[in-house]
All heavy atoms as atom14 arrays in JSON, in Angstrom:
{
  "sequence": "ALRREARAPGLAGRGVLADQVLLHRLTPRDPCAIPADEDAACRAM",
  "atom14_mask": [
    [1, 1, 1, 1, 1, 0, 0, 0, 0, 0, 0, 0, 0, 0],
    [1, 1, 1, 1, 1, 1, 1, 1, 0, 0, 0, 0, 0, 0],
    [1, 1, 1, 1, 1, 1, 1, 1, 1, 1, 1, 0, 0, 0],
    [1, 1, 1, 1, 1, 1, 1, 1, 1, 1, 1, 0, 0, 0],
    [1, 1, 1, 1, 1, 1, 1, 1, 1, 0, 0, 0, 0, 0],
    [1, 1, 1, 1, 1, 0, 0, 0, 0, 0, 0, 0, 0, 0],
    [1, 1, 1, 1, 1, 1, 1, 1, 1, 1, 1, 0, 0, 0],
    [1, 1, 1, 1, 1, 0, 0, 0, 0, 0, 0, 0, 0, 0],
    [1, 1, 1, 1, 1, 1, 1, 0, 0, 0, 0, 0, 0, 0],
    [1, 1, 1, 1, 0, 0, 0, 0, 0, 0, 0, 0, 0, 0],
    [1, 1, 1, 1, 1, 1, 1, 1, 0, 0, 0, 0, 0, 0],
    [1, 1, 1, 1, 1, 0, 0, 0, 0, 0, 0, 0, 0, 0],
    [1, 1, 1, 1, 0, 0, 0, 0, 0, 0, 0, 0, 0, 0],
    [1, 1, 1, 1, 1, 1, 1, 1, 1, 1, 1, 0, 0, 0],
    [1, 1, 1, 1, 0, 0, 0, 0, 0, 0, 0, 0, 0, 0],
    [1, 1, 1, 1, 1, 1, 1, 0, 0, 0, 0, 0, 0, 0],
    [1, 1, 1, 1, 1, 1, 1, 1, 0, 0, 0, 0, 0, 0],
    [1, 1, 1, 1, 1, 0, 0, 0, 0, 0, 0, 0, 0, 0],
    [1, 1, 1, 1, 1, 1, 1, 1, 0, 0, 0, 0, 0, 0],
    [1, 1, 1, 1, 1, 1, 1, 1, 1, 0, 0, 0, 0, 0],
    [1, 1, 1, 1, 1, 1, 1, 0, 0, 0, 0, 0, 0, 0],
    [1, 1, 1, 1, 1, 1, 1, 1, 0, 0, 0, 0, 0, 0],
    [1, 1, 1, 1, 1, 1, 1, 1, 0, 0, 0, 0, 0, 0],
    [1, 1, 1, 1, 1, 1, 1, 1, 1, 1, 0, 0, 0, 0],
    [1, 1, 1, 1, 1, 1, 1, 1, 1, 1, 1, 0, 0, 0],
    [1, 1, 1, 1, 1, 1, 1, 1, 0, 0, 0, 0, 0, 0],
    [1, 1, 1, 1, 1, 1, 1, 0, 0, 0, 0, 0, 0, 0],
    [1, 1, 1, 1, 1, 1, 1, 0, 0, 0, 0, 0, 0, 0],
    [1, 1, 1, 1, 1, 1, 1, 1, 1, 1, 1, 0, 0, 0],
    [1, 1, 1, 1, 1, 1, 1, 1, 0, 0, 0, 0, 0, 0],
    [1, 1, 1, 1, 1, 1, 1, 0, 0, 0, 0, 0, 0, 0],
    [1, 1, 1, 1, 1, 1, 0, 0, 0, 0, 0, 0, 0, 0],
    [1, 1, 1, 1, 1, 0, 0, 0, 0, 0, 0, 0, 0, 0],
    [1, 1, 1, 1, 1, 1, 1, 1, 0, 0, 0, 0, 0, 0],
    [1, 1, 1, 1, 1, 1, 1, 0, 0, 0, 0, 0, 0, 0],
    [1, 1, 1, 1, 1, 0, 0, 0, 0, 0, 0, 0, 0, 0],
    [1, 1, 1, 1, 1, 1, 1, 1, 0, 0, 0, 0, 0, 0],
    [1, 1, 1, 1, 1, 1, 1, 1, 1, 0, 0, 0, 0, 0],
    [1, 1, 1, 1, 1, 1, 1, 1, 0, 0, 0, 0, 0, 0],
    [1, 1, 1, 1, 1, 0, 0, 0, 0, 0, 0, 0, 0, 0],
    [1, 1, 1, 1, 1, 0, 0, 0, 0, 0, 0, 0, 0, 0],
    [1, 1, 1, 1, 1, 1, 0, 0, 0, 0, 0, 0, 0, 0],
    [1, 1, 1, 1, 1, 1, 1, 1, 1, 1, 1, 0, 0, 0],
    [1, 1, 1, 1, 1, 0, 0, 0, 0, 0, 0, 0, 0, 0],
    [1, 1, 1, 1, 1, 1, 1, 1, 0, 0, 0, 0, 0, 0]
  ],
  "atom14_positions": [
    [[101.94, 106.92, 31.76], [101.17, 108.05, 32.28], [101.95, 108.8, 33.34], [101.95, 110.04, 33.38], [99.84, 107.55, 32.84], [0.0, 0.0, 0.0], [0.0, 0.0, 0.0], [0.0, 0.0, 0.0], [0.0, 0.0, 0.0], [0.0, 0.0, 0.0], [0.0, 0.0, 0.0], [0.0, 0.0, 0.0], [0.0, 0.0, 0.0], [0.0, 0.0, 0.0]],
    [[102.63, 108.08, 34.23], [103.42, 108.72, 35.26], [104.55, 109.55, 34.65], [104.86, 110.65, 35.12], [103.99, 107.67, 36.22], [102.98, 107.02, 37.17], [103.55, 105.74, 37.76], [102.59, 108.0, 38.28], [0.0, 0.0, 0.0], [0.0, 0.0, 0.0], [0.0, 0.0, 0.0], [0.0, 0.0, 0.0], [0.0, 0.0, 0.0], [0.0, 0.0, 0.0]],
    [[105.18, 109.05, 33.6], [106.24, 109.82, 32.94], [105.67, 111.08, 32.29], [106.29, 112.14, 32.31], [106.97, 108.96, 31.92], [107.72, 107.77, 32.53], [109.08, 107.56, 31.87], [109.73, 106.36, 32.39], [110.42, 106.3, 33.53], [110.54, 107.38, 34.29], [111.0, 105.17, 33.91], [0.0, 0.0, 0.0], [0.0, 0.0, 0.0], [0.0, 0.0, 0.0]],
    [[104.48, 110.97, 31.68], [103.85, 112.15, 31.1], [103.48, 113.15, 32.2], [103.7, 114.37, 32.04], [102.61, 111.73, 30.31], [101.73, 112.91, 29.86], [102.48, 113.86, 28.96], [101.71, 115.06, 28.68], [101.72, 116.17, 29.41], [102.48, 116.24, 30.51], [101.0, 117.22, 29.07], [0.0, 0.0, 0.0], [0.0, 0.0, 0.0], [0.0, 0.0, 0.0]],
    [[102.94, 112.68, 33.28], [102.56, 113.58, 34.39], [103.76, 114.28, 34.99], [103.65, 115.42, 35.47], [101.81, 112.78, 35.46], [100.44, 112.28, 35.01], [99.9, 111.15, 35.85], [100.57, 110.73, 36.82], [98.79, 110.66, 35.53], [0.0, 0.0, 0.0], [0.0, 0.0, 0.0], [0.0, 0.0, 0.0], [0.0, 0.0, 0.0], [0.0, 0.0, 0.0]],
    [[104.91, 113.62, 34.97], [106.12, 114.2, 35.57], [106.55, 115.49, 34.88], [107.32, 116.27, 35.45], [107.27, 113.19, 35.53], [0.0, 0.0, 0.0], [0.0, 0.0, 0.0], [0.0, 0.0, 0.0], [0.0, 0.0, 0.0], [0.0, 0.0, 0.0], [0.0, 0.0, 0.0], [0.0, 0.0, 0.0], [0.0, 0.0, 0.0], [0.0, 0.0, 0.0]],
    [[106.06, 115.73, 33.67], [106.37, 116.96, 32.95], [105.5, 118.14, 33.39], [105.78, 119.28, 33.06], [106.16, 116.74, 31.45], [107.39, 116.17, 30.73], [108.24, 117.32, 30.16], [109.53, 116.86, 29.67], [109.76, 116.43, 28.44], [108.76, 116.35, 27.57], [110.97, 116.06, 28.08], [0.0, 0.0, 0.0], [0.0, 0.0, 0.0], [0.0, 0.0, 0.0]],
    [[104.44, 117.86, 34.13], [103.49, 118.91, 34.51], [103.96, 119.62, 35.78], [104.66, 119.04, 36.62], [102.11, 118.31, 34.73], [0.0, 0.0, 0.0], [0.0, 0.0, 0.0], [0.0, 0.0, 0.0], [0.0, 0.0, 0.0], [0.0, 0.0, 0.0], [0.0, 0.0, 0.0], [0.0, 0.0, 0.0], [0.0, 0.0, 0.0], [0.0, 0.0, 0.0]],
    [[103.59, 120.88, 35.95], [103.97, 121.62, 37.17], [103.5, 120.91, 38.43], [102.36, 120.45, 38.52], [103.25, 122.96, 36.99], [103.07, 123.11, 35.51], [102.84, 121.73, 35.0], [0.0, 0.0, 0.0], [0.0, 0.0, 0.0], [0.0, 0.0, 0.0], [0.0, 0.0, 0.0], [0.0, 0.0, 0.0], [0.0, 0.0, 0.0], [0.0, 0.0, 0.0]],
    [[104.4, 120.8, 39.38], [104.07, 120.2, 40.67], [104.09, 118.69, 40.71], [103.78, 118.1, 41.75], [0.0, 0.0, 0.0], [0.0, 0.0, 0.0], [0.0, 0.0, 0.0], [0.0, 0.0, 0.0], [0.0, 0.0, 0.0], [0.0, 0.0, 0.0], [0.0, 0.0, 0.0], [0.0, 0.0, 0.0], [0.0, 0.0, 0.0], [0.0, 0.0, 0.0]],
    [[104.46, 118.04, 39.6], [104.38, 116.58, 39.55], [105.71, 115.93, 39.19], [105.74, 114.79, 38.71], [103.31, 116.15, 38.54], [101.87, 116.52, 38.9], [100.92, 116.19, 37.76], [101.42, 115.78, 40.18], [0.0, 0.0, 0.0], [0.0, 0.0, 0.0], [0.0, 0.0, 0.0], [0.0, 0.0, 0.0], [0.0, 0.0, 0.0], [0.0, 0.0, 0.0]],
    [[106.81, 116.61, 39.43], [108.12, 116.07, 39.05], [108.4, 114.71, 39.68], [109.05, 113.85, 39.09], [109.21, 117.06, 39.44], [0.0, 0.0, 0.0], [0.0, 0.0, 0.0], [0.0, 0.0, 0.0], [0.0, 0.0, 0.0], [0.0, 0.0, 0.0], [0.0, 0.0, 0.0], [0.0, 0.0, 0.0], [0.0, 0.0, 0.0], [0.0, 0.0, 0.0]],
    [[107.87, 114.48, 40.88], [108.12, 113.22, 41.57], [107.48, 112.02, 40.92], [107.79, 110.88, 41.28], [0.0, 0.0, 0.0], [0.0, 0.0, 0.0], [0.0, 0.0, 0.0], [0.0, 0.0, 0.0], [0.0, 0.0, 0.0], [0.0, 0.0, 0.0], [0.0, 0.0, 0.0], [0.0, 0.0, 0.0], [0.0, 0.0, 0.0], [0.0, 0.0, 0.0]],
    [[106.6, 112.23, 39.95], [105.95, 111.09, 39.3], [106.95, 110.26, 38.49], [106.73, 109.07, 38.28], [104.82, 111.55, 38.37], [103.81, 112.51, 38.99], [102.93, 111.88, 40.0], [101.8, 111.18, 39.46], [100.82, 110.64, 40.19], [100.86, 110.74, 41.51], [99.81, 110.0, 39.64], [0.0, 0.0, 0.0], [0.0, 0.0, 0.0], [0.0, 0.0, 0.0]],
    [[108.03, 110.87, 38.06], [109.05, 110.12, 37.33], [109.71, 109.06, 38.19], [110.05, 107.97, 37.72], [0.0, 0.0, 0.0], [0.0, 0.0, 0.0], [0.0, 0.0, 0.0], [0.0, 0.0, 0.0], [0.0, 0.0, 0.0], [0.0, 0.0, 0.0], [0.0, 0.0, 0.0], [0.0, 0.0, 0.0], [0.0, 0.0, 0.0], [0.0, 0.0, 0.0]],
    [[109.92, 109.37, 39.48], [110.48, 108.39, 40.4], [109.52, 107.22, 40.58], [109.94, 106.06, 40.65], [110.8, 109.04, 41.76], [111.47, 108.05, 42.7], [111.68, 110.27, 41.58], [0.0, 0.0, 0.0], [0.0, 0.0, 0.0], [0.0, 0.0, 0.0], [0.0, 0.0, 0.0], [0.0, 0.0, 0.0], [0.0, 0.0, 0.0], [0.0, 0.0, 0.0]],
    [[108.22, 107.53, 40.63], [107.23, 106.46, 40.73], [107.27, 105.57, 39.49], [107.17, 104.34, 39.58], [105.84, 107.05, 40.89], [105.56, 107.91, 42.13], [104.14, 108.45, 42.09], [105.78, 107.12, 43.41], [0.0, 0.0, 0.0], [0.0, 0.0, 0.0], [0.0, 0.0, 0.0], [0.0, 0.0, 0.0], [0.0, 0.0, 0.0], [0.0, 0.0, 0.0]],
    [[107.43, 106.19, 38.32], [107.5, 105.41, 37.08], [108.7, 104.46, 37.09], [108.61, 103.31, 36.63], [107.58, 106.35, 35.88], [0.0, 0.0, 0.0], [0.0, 0.0, 0.0], [0.0, 0.0, 0.0], [0.0, 0.0, 0.0], [0.0, 0.0, 0.0], [0.0, 0.0, 0.0], [0.0, 0.0, 0.0], [0.0, 0.0, 0.0], [0.0, 0.0, 0.0]],
    [[109.82, 104.92, 37.6], [111.0, 104.06, 37.7], [110.7, 102.82, 38.53], [111.14, 101.7, 38.2], [112.18, 104.82, 38.33], [112.75, 105.89, 37.42], [112.45, 105.88, 36.22], [113.49, 106.75, 37.94], [0.0, 0.0, 0.0], [0.0, 0.0, 0.0], [0.0, 0.0, 0.0], [0.0, 0.0, 0.0], [0.0, 0.0, 0.0], [0.0, 0.0, 0.0]],
    [[109.97, 103.0, 39.62], [109.67, 101.87, 40.5], [108.68, 100.91, 39.85], [108.76, 99.69, 40.07], [109.12, 102.39, 41.83], [110.1, 103.27, 42.6], [111.46, 102.62, 42.75], [111.56, 101.51, 43.28], [112.5, 103.29, 42.28], [0.0, 0.0, 0.0], [0.0, 0.0, 0.0], [0.0, 0.0, 0.0], [0.0, 0.0, 0.0], [0.0, 0.0, 0.0]],
    [[107.73, 101.44, 39.06], [106.84, 100.55, 38.3], [107.67, 99.68, 37.36], [107.46, 98.47, 37.25], [105.8, 101.36, 37.52], [104.98, 100.44, 36.61], [104.87, 102.11, 38.47], [0.0, 0.0, 0.0], [0.0, 0.0, 0.0], [0.0, 0.0, 0.0], [0.0, 0.0, 0.0], [0.0, 0.0, 0.0], [0.0, 0.0, 0.0], [0.0, 0.0, 0.0]],
    [[108.62, 100.3, 36.69], [109.48, 99.56, 35.76], [110.29, 98.49, 36.49], [110.32, 97.32, 36.08], [110.41, 100.54, 35.04], [111.49, 99.91, 34.14], [110.85, 99.12, 33.01], [112.41, 101.0, 33.59], [0.0, 0.0, 0.0], [0.0, 0.0, 0.0], [0.0, 0.0, 0.0], [0.0, 0.0, 0.0], [0.0, 0.0, 0.0], [0.0, 0.0, 0.0]],
    [[110.95, 98.87, 37.56], [111.89, 97.97, 38.22], [111.21, 96.9, 39.06], [111.75, 95.8, 39.21], [112.84, 98.78, 39.1], [113.77, 99.75, 38.35], [114.55, 100.62, 39.35], [114.73, 98.97, 37.46], [0.0, 0.0, 0.0], [0.0, 0.0, 0.0], [0.0, 0.0, 0.0], [0.0, 0.0, 0.0], [0.0, 0.0, 0.0], [0.0, 0.0, 0.0]],
    [[110.01, 97.21, 39.59], [109.4, 96.27, 40.53], [108.12, 95.61, 40.02], [107.67, 94.63, 40.61], [109.09, 96.99, 41.86], [110.32, 97.36, 42.62], [110.96, 96.47, 43.45], [111.04, 98.51, 42.66], [112.03, 97.06, 43.98], [112.09, 98.3, 43.52], [0.0, 0.0, 0.0], [0.0, 0.0, 0.0], [0.0, 0.0, 0.0], [0.0, 0.0, 0.0]],
    [[107.55, 96.13, 38.92], [106.3, 95.55, 38.45], [106.36, 95.09, 37.0], [105.46, 94.38, 36.55], [105.14, 96.53, 38.66], [105.06, 97.09, 40.07], [103.68, 97.5, 40.46], [102.84, 96.35, 40.83], [101.57, 96.45, 41.23], [100.99, 97.65, 41.27], [100.87, 95.38, 41.55], [0.0, 0.0, 0.0], [0.0, 0.0, 0.0], [0.0, 0.0, 0.0]],
    [[107.38, 95.51, 36.27], [107.51, 95.11, 34.87], [108.79, 94.34, 34.58], [108.94, 93.83, 33.47], [107.44, 96.35, 33.96], [106.05, 96.8, 33.52], [106.13, 98.14, 32.81], [105.37, 95.76, 32.63], [0.0, 0.0, 0.0], [0.0, 0.0, 0.0], [0.0, 0.0, 0.0], [0.0, 0.0, 0.0], [0.0, 0.0, 0.0], [0.0, 0.0, 0.0]],
    [[109.69, 94.28, 35.53], [110.99, 93.65, 35.29], [111.13, 92.43, 36.2], [110.89, 92.54, 37.4], [112.13, 94.64, 35.58], [111.94, 95.81, 34.79], [113.48, 94.04, 35.25], [0.0, 0.0, 0.0], [0.0, 0.0, 0.0], [0.0, 0.0, 0.0], [0.0, 0.0, 0.0], [0.0, 0.0, 0.0], [0.0, 0.0, 0.0], [0.0, 0.0, 0.0]],
    [[111.53, 91.29, 35.67], [111.72, 90.1, 36.51], [112.84, 90.31, 37.52], [113.85, 90.95, 37.22], [112.05, 89.0, 35.51], [112.58, 89.71, 34.31], [111.85, 91.02, 34.24], [0.0, 0.0, 0.0], [0.0, 0.0, 0.0], [0.0, 0.0, 0.0], [0.0, 0.0, 0.0], [0.0, 0.0, 0.0], [0.0, 0.0, 0.0], [0.0, 0.0, 0.0]],
    [[112.65, 89.75, 38.71], [113.64, 89.9, 39.78], [113.88, 88.54, 40.43], [112.96, 87.76, 40.64], [113.16, 90.89, 40.85], [113.02, 92.32, 40.34], [112.23, 93.2, 41.32], [112.86, 93.31, 42.61], [113.79, 94.22, 42.92], [114.22, 95.07, 41.99], [114.29, 94.29, 44.13], [0.0, 0.0, 0.0], [0.0, 0.0, 0.0], [0.0, 0.0, 0.0]],
    [[115.1, 88.28, 40.76], [115.47, 87.07, 41.49], [115.15, 87.29, 42.96], [115.73, 88.16, 43.61], [116.97, 86.8, 41.31], [117.43, 85.54, 42.03], [116.64, 84.97, 42.81], [118.59, 85.13, 41.82], [0.0, 0.0, 0.0], [0.0, 0.0, 0.0], [0.0, 0.0, 0.0], [0.0, 0.0, 0.0], [0.0, 0.0, 0.0], [0.0, 0.0, 0.0]],
    [[114.22, 86.53, 43.53], [113.81, 86.78, 44.91], [114.92, 86.52, 45.92], [114.83, 86.97, 47.07], [112.62, 85.83, 45.12], [112.83, 84.75, 44.12], [113.45, 85.41, 42.93], [0.0, 0.0, 0.0], [0.0, 0.0, 0.0], [0.0, 0.0, 0.0], [0.0, 0.0, 0.0], [0.0, 0.0, 0.0], [0.0, 0.0, 0.0], [0.0, 0.0, 0.0]],
    [[115.96, 85.8, 45.51], [117.05, 85.5, 46.45], [118.28, 86.36, 46.21], [119.27, 86.25, 46.94], [117.43, 84.02, 46.34], [116.09, 82.9, 46.79], [0.0, 0.0, 0.0], [0.0, 0.0, 0.0], [0.0, 0.0, 0.0], [0.0, 0.0, 0.0], [0.0, 0.0, 0.0], [0.0, 0.0, 0.0], [0.0, 0.0, 0.0], [0.0, 0.0, 0.0]],
    [[118.24, 87.2, 45.19], [119.4, 88.07, 44.93], [119.45, 89.19, 45.96], [118.42, 89.62, 46.49], [119.3, 88.65, 43.52], [0.0, 0.0, 0.0], [0.0, 0.0, 0.0], [0.0, 0.0, 0.0], [0.0, 0.0, 0.0], [0.0, 0.0, 0.0], [0.0, 0.0, 0.0], [0.0, 0.0, 0.0], [0.0, 0.0, 0.0], [0.0, 0.0, 0.0]],
    [[120.67, 89.65, 46.24], [120.84, 90.79, 47.15], [120.78, 92.06, 46.31], [121.68, 92.33, 45.51], [122.19, 90.7, 47.89], [122.24, 89.41, 48.72], [122.39, 91.93, 48.77], [123.59, 89.18, 49.38], [0.0, 0.0, 0.0], [0.0, 0.0, 0.0], [0.0, 0.0, 0.0], [0.0, 0.0, 0.0], [0.0, 0.0, 0.0], [0.0, 0.0, 0.0]],
    [[119.69, 92.85, 46.46], [119.54, 94.03, 45.59], [120.4, 95.18, 46.07], [120.93, 95.19, 47.19], [118.05, 94.36, 45.74], [117.72, 93.89, 47.13], [118.56, 92.67, 47.38], [0.0, 0.0, 0.0], [0.0, 0.0, 0.0], [0.0, 0.0, 0.0], [0.0, 0.0, 0.0], [0.0, 0.0, 0.0], [0.0, 0.0, 0.0], [0.0, 0.0, 0.0]],
    [[120.5, 96.15, 45.21], [121.18, 97.39, 45.58], [120.36, 98.12, 46.64], [119.15, 97.9, 46.78], [121.38, 98.27, 44.35], [0.0, 0.0, 0.0], [0.0, 0.0, 0.0], [0.0, 0.0, 0.0], [0.0, 0.0, 0.0], [0.0, 0.0, 0.0], [0.0, 0.0, 0.0], [0.0, 0.0, 0.0], [0.0, 0.0, 0.0], [0.0, 0.0, 0.0]],
    [[121.04, 98.97, 47.39], [120.37, 99.76, 48.41], [119.41, 100.73, 47.73], [119.83, 101.59, 46.94], [121.4, 100.52, 49.23], [120.77, 101.23, 50.43], [119.53, 101.27, 50.51], [121.52, 101.77, 51.26], [0.0, 0.0, 0.0], [0.0, 0.0, 0.0], [0.0, 0.0, 0.0], [0.0, 0.0, 0.0], [0.0, 0.0, 0.0], [0.0, 0.0, 0.0]],
    [[118.11, 100.6, 48.0], [117.11, 101.44, 47.36], [116.55, 102.5, 48.3], [115.54, 103.14, 47.99], [115.96, 100.58, 46.83], [116.38, 99.63, 45.71], [115.21, 98.87, 45.13], [114.42, 98.32, 45.93], [115.07, 98.83, 43.91], [0.0, 0.0, 0.0], [0.0, 0.0, 0.0], [0.0, 0.0, 0.0], [0.0, 0.0, 0.0], [0.0, 0.0, 0.0]],
    [[117.19, 102.7, 49.42], [116.64, 103.66, 50.37], [116.63, 105.07, 49.8], [115.74, 105.87, 50.1], [117.42, 103.64, 51.68], [116.74, 104.44, 52.78], [115.53, 104.22, 52.99], [117.39, 105.3, 53.4], [0.0, 0.0, 0.0], [0.0, 0.0, 0.0], [0.0, 0.0, 0.0], [0.0, 0.0, 0.0], [0.0, 0.0, 0.0], [0.0, 0.0, 0.0]],
    [[117.6, 105.4, 48.96], [117.63, 106.74, 48.35], [116.39, 106.95, 47.49], [115.78, 108.04, 47.5], [118.9, 106.91, 47.53], [0.0, 0.0, 0.0], [0.0, 0.0, 0.0], [0.0, 0.0, 0.0], [0.0, 0.0, 0.0], [0.0, 0.0, 0.0], [0.0, 0.0, 0.0], [0.0, 0.0, 0.0], [0.0, 0.0, 0.0], [0.0, 0.0, 0.0]],
    [[116.0, 105.91, 46.74], [114.8, 106.03, 45.92], [113.56, 106.16, 46.79], [112.64, 106.93, 46.48], [114.68, 104.82, 45.0], [0.0, 0.0, 0.0], [0.0, 0.0, 0.0], [0.0, 0.0, 0.0], [0.0, 0.0, 0.0], [0.0, 0.0, 0.0], [0.0, 0.0, 0.0], [0.0, 0.0, 0.0], [0.0, 0.0, 0.0], [0.0, 0.0, 0.0]],
    [[113.51, 105.42, 47.9], [112.37, 105.51, 48.81], [112.29, 106.9, 49.42], [111.2, 107.49, 49.54], [112.48, 104.46, 49.91], [112.32, 102.75, 49.33], [0.0, 0.0, 0.0], [0.0, 0.0, 0.0], [0.0, 0.0, 0.0], [0.0, 0.0, 0.0], [0.0, 0.0, 0.0], [0.0, 0.0, 0.0], [0.0, 0.0, 0.0], [0.0, 0.0, 0.0]],
    [[113.43, 107.44, 49.8], [113.46, 108.81, 50.33], [112.94, 109.8, 49.29], [112.18, 110.72, 49.61], [114.88, 109.19, 50.74], [115.37, 108.54, 52.03], [116.82, 108.94, 52.28], [117.38, 108.34, 53.48], [117.3, 108.88, 54.69], [116.66, 110.03, 54.85], [117.82, 108.27, 55.73], [0.0, 0.0, 0.0], [0.0, 0.0, 0.0], [0.0, 0.0, 0.0]],
    [[113.36, 109.62, 48.05], [112.94, 110.54, 47.0], [111.43, 110.46, 46.78], [110.77, 111.49, 46.62], [113.68, 110.21, 45.71], [0.0, 0.0, 0.0], [0.0, 0.0, 0.0], [0.0, 0.0, 0.0], [0.0, 0.0, 0.0], [0.0, 0.0, 0.0], [0.0, 0.0, 0.0], [0.0, 0.0, 0.0], [0.0, 0.0, 0.0], [0.0, 0.0, 0.0]],
    [[110.88, 109.23, 46.76], [109.44, 109.09, 46.57], [108.67, 109.73, 47.71], [107.69, 110.45, 47.5], [109.07, 107.61, 46.46], [109.28, 107.03, 45.07], [108.7, 105.33, 44.96], [110.05, 104.46, 45.75], [0.0, 0.0, 0.0], [0.0, 0.0, 0.0], [0.0, 0.0, 0.0], [0.0, 0.0, 0.0], [0.0, 0.0, 0.0], [0.0, 0.0, 0.0]]
  ]
}
């Protein structure tokens, strides 16, 4: 839904939210791994 909404006027930022759903809520993560710097994504959101 977020990816579909990102196509609508004024909602381009919804695509960044969709990326975070994928990476943080649908993809397994090692809790002890050192992740990449995500501050750029946070700034964008």
